[in-house]
Amino acid sequence: IDYSWSSNGDRLIYPHYNKLYVINKDGSGLKQIYQTVDGSFITECDWSNDESMIALKTNDITGYNASIFTIDMEGTVINTIISNVLGAVGGLNISVDNKLLLYTLDISEYQNANNRQLDTHIFIYNFNEATITDISSDKDTGTIDIDPRFSPNEAEIIFVNTSNDGIS
């Protein structure tokens, strides 16, 4: 389960089952922003630097059948990036200018009770062009790329590449 701070650190957003909330850092001002319409769980979120957009990842109780989409602060869906895909999904990060979204997807579509990932790639969604680019095309077989983030100057992407065995 993921949460995200506002750019100035005065508030944070966090999911609780199928709902997304915003709260002030002192615990006051709790407000529900969004609730899934299909009962799926919100398990990851990222809040844009200007606080105008939130990226959400939802999935079923098994952690699969994931969707990634963006909402505004009123809870209105803006964009759907992927919907009800097979395999593990994660790693949300919005660029500072709100033009790009990083995420990961296990392209093997493998699903099991332990949520093992076999061939997870990093993708960049371009909001202006509505295009998706796979940036993990040169990774080694048997590894997964996870936890991507734009570097502080956004010239590069920082991520973890690890064996897909779950223990290395």
Protein backbone atom coordinates (compact mmCIF):
# COMPACT_ATOMS: atom_id res chain seq x y z
CA ILE A 1 0.00 0.00 0.00
CA ASP A 2 1.37 3.37 -1.04
CA TYR A 3 0.79 6.99 -0.02
CA SER A 4 2.00 10.33 -1.39
CA TRP A 5 2.86 13.67 0.21
CA SER A 6 1.85 17.04 -1.23
CA SER A 7 4.72 19.01 -2.78
CA ASN A 8 5.11 21.25 0.29
CA GLY A 9 4.59 18.42 2.79
CA ASP A 10 1.49 19.85 4.47
CA ARG A 11 -0.88 17.01 3.42
CA LEU A 12 -0.81 13.44 2.23
CA ILE A 13 -3.08 11.17 0.26
CA TYR A 14 -3.52 7.54 1.19
CA PRO A 15 -5.73 4.61 0.18
CA HIS A 16 -7.88 2.55 2.51
CA TYR A 17 -9.32 -0.45 0.68
CA ASN A 18 -11.41 1.07 -2.15
CA LYS A 19 -11.21 4.70 -0.99
CA LEU A 20 -8.63 7.46 -1.31
CA TYR A 21 -8.29 10.11 1.38
CA VAL A 22 -6.41 13.37 1.90
CA ILE A 23 -5.41 14.50 5.39
CA ASN A 24 -3.36 17.36 6.85
CA LYS A 25 0.00 16.46 8.39
CA ASP A 26 -1.39 17.23 11.87
CA GLY A 27 -4.25 14.75 11.42
CA SER A 28 -6.96 17.34 10.77
CA GLY A 29 -8.98 17.90 7.61
CA LEU A 30 -9.65 14.28 6.65
CA LYS A 31 -11.55 14.15 3.35
CA GLN A 32 -12.43 11.31 0.99
CA ILE A 33 -11.32 12.13 -2.55
CA TYR A 34 -12.27 9.00 -4.47
CA GLN A 35 -13.97 5.61 -4.21
CA THR A 36 -13.67 2.85 -6.79
CA VAL A 37 -16.90 2.02 -8.60
CA ASP A 38 -16.14 -1.70 -8.91
CA GLY A 39 -14.94 -2.36 -5.35
CA SER A 40 -11.32 -2.86 -6.41
CA PHE A 41 -8.61 -1.85 -3.96
CA ILE A 42 -6.48 1.26 -4.38
CA THR A 43 -2.94 0.06 -3.64
CA GLU A 44 -0.69 2.77 -5.09
CA CYS A 45 -0.97 6.50 -5.61
CA ASP A 46 1.21 9.40 -6.70
CA TRP A 47 0.31 13.08 -6.36
CA SER A 48 1.55 15.50 -9.02
CA ASN A 49 3.89 18.31 -8.00
CA ASP A 50 1.24 20.98 -8.67
CA GLU A 51 -1.37 18.84 -6.82
CA SER A 52 -3.76 18.93 -9.79
CA MET A 53 -3.58 15.23 -10.63
CA ILE A 54 -3.34 11.90 -8.80
CA ALA A 55 -2.28 8.63 -10.42
CA LEU A 56 -3.92 5.53 -8.94
CA LYS A 57 -3.31 1.81 -9.28
CA THR A 58 -6.20 -0.45 -8.40
CA ASN A 59 -6.36 -4.23 -8.26
CA ASP A 60 -8.54 -7.08 -7.01
CA ILE A 61 -8.04 -8.93 -3.71
CA THR A 62 -5.38 -11.19 -5.28
CA GLY A 63 -3.31 -8.17 -6.35
CA TYR A 64 -4.09 -8.67 -10.02
CA ASN A 65 -6.55 -7.38 -12.65
CA ALA A 66 -4.90 -4.02 -12.17
CA SER A 67 -5.76 -0.66 -13.66
CA ILE A 68 -3.86 2.63 -13.71
CA PHE A 69 -5.68 5.91 -14.17
CA THR A 70 -5.53 9.54 -13.10
CA ILE A 71 -8.06 11.64 -11.23
CA ASP A 72 -8.33 15.29 -10.27
CA MET A 73 -8.76 16.49 -6.67
CA GLU A 74 -12.55 16.21 -7.03
CA GLY A 75 -12.25 12.50 -7.82
CA THR A 76 -13.11 12.80 -11.51
CA VAL A 77 -11.26 10.32 -13.74
CA ILE A 78 -9.03 12.18 -16.22
CA ASN A 79 -7.15 9.42 -18.08
CA THR A 80 -7.16 5.64 -18.10
CA ILE A 81 -3.68 4.34 -18.87
CA ILE A 82 -4.25 0.57 -18.54
CA SER A 83 -7.28 -1.39 -17.42
CA ASN A 84 -7.76 -4.89 -15.98
CA VAL A 85 -4.42 -6.25 -17.21
CA LEU A 86 -2.91 -9.62 -16.34
CA GLY A 87 0.32 -9.75 -14.33
CA ALA A 88 1.75 -7.50 -11.64
CA VAL A 89 1.58 -3.71 -12.00
CA GLY A 90 3.15 -0.95 -9.92
CA GLY A 91 5.71 1.81 -9.56
CA LEU A 92 3.68 4.97 -10.19
CA ASN A 93 5.56 8.27 -10.60
CA ILE A 94 4.31 11.46 -12.30
CA SER A 95 6.86 13.81 -13.89
CA VAL A 96 7.12 17.31 -12.43
CA ASP A 97 5.45 18.85 -15.51
CA ASN A 98 2.56 16.32 -15.53
CA LYS A 99 3.50 15.16 -19.03
CA LEU A 100 4.74 11.65 -18.21
CA LEU A 101 3.83 8.75 -15.93
CA LEU A 102 6.17 5.89 -15.02
CA TYR A 103 4.79 2.48 -14.15
CA THR A 104 5.80 -1.18 -14.24
CA LEU A 105 4.03 -4.19 -15.75
CA ASP A 106 4.97 -7.87 -15.79
CA ILE A 107 4.63 -8.51 -19.51
CA SER A 108 4.72 -12.29 -18.97
CA GLU A 109 1.16 -11.97 -17.56
CA TYR A 110 2.17 -14.57 -14.96
CA GLN A 111 -0.04 -14.69 -11.87
CA ASN A 112 0.28 -16.83 -8.75
CA ALA A 113 -0.63 -16.72 -5.05
CA ASN A 114 2.80 -15.30 -4.09
CA ASN A 115 2.56 -12.44 -6.61
CA ARG A 116 5.87 -13.44 -8.20
CA GLN A 117 6.91 -11.34 -11.19
CA LEU A 118 8.78 -12.94 -14.11
CA ASP A 119 9.43 -10.23 -16.71
CA THR A 120 8.54 -6.82 -15.33
CA HIS A 121 9.28 -3.82 -17.56
CA ILE A 122 9.17 -0.07 -16.97
CA PHE A 123 6.82 1.94 -19.16
CA ILE A 124 6.39 5.65 -19.73
CA TYR A 125 2.94 6.97 -20.57
CA ASN A 126 2.95 10.31 -22.40
CA PHE A 127 -0.24 12.22 -21.51
CA ASN A 128 -0.02 14.67 -24.44
CA GLU A 129 0.39 11.99 -27.09
CA ALA A 130 -1.48 9.13 -25.30
CA THR A 131 1.46 6.83 -26.08
CA ILE A 132 3.17 4.12 -24.06
CA THR A 133 6.91 3.41 -24.38
CA ASP A 134 8.66 0.31 -22.97
CA ILE A 135 12.05 1.44 -21.66
CA SER A 136 13.17 -2.00 -20.40
CA SER A 137 13.88 -3.51 -23.80
CA ASP A 138 17.57 -4.18 -23.02
CA LYS A 139 17.20 -5.78 -19.59
CA ASP A 140 18.67 -9.21 -18.87
CA THR A 141 16.47 -12.31 -19.16
CA GLY A 142 15.37 -13.56 -15.73
CA THR A 143 15.30 -10.09 -14.18
CA ILE A 144 12.61 -7.57 -13.33
CA ASP A 145 12.73 -3.76 -13.36
CA ILE A 146 10.78 -2.33 -10.39
CA ASP A 147 10.33 0.81 -8.26
CA PRO A 148 11.02 3.39 -10.98
CA ARG A 149 11.34 7.09 -10.16
CA PHE A 150 12.32 10.10 -12.20
CA SER A 151 15.72 11.38 -11.06
CA PRO A 152 15.67 14.77 -9.24
CA ASN A 153 16.45 16.61 -12.49
CA GLU A 154 14.20 14.20 -14.46
CA ALA A 155 16.96 13.54 -17.00
CA GLU A 156 17.12 9.89 -15.99
CA ILE A 157 15.06 7.15 -14.39
CA ILE A 158 16.21 5.48 -11.19
CA PHE A 159 14.97 1.92 -10.66
CA VAL A 160 15.81 -1.50 -9.24
CA ASN A 161 16.76 -4.38 -11.52
CA THR A 162 16.78 -7.70 -9.67
CA SER A 163 16.42 -11.40 -10.27
CA ASN A 164 12.86 -12.60 -10.73
CA ASP A 165 13.33 -15.43 -8.20
CA GLY A 166 12.14 -13.21 -5.34
CA ILE A 167 15.05 -14.04 -3.04
CA SER A 168 18.23 -12.79 -4.74
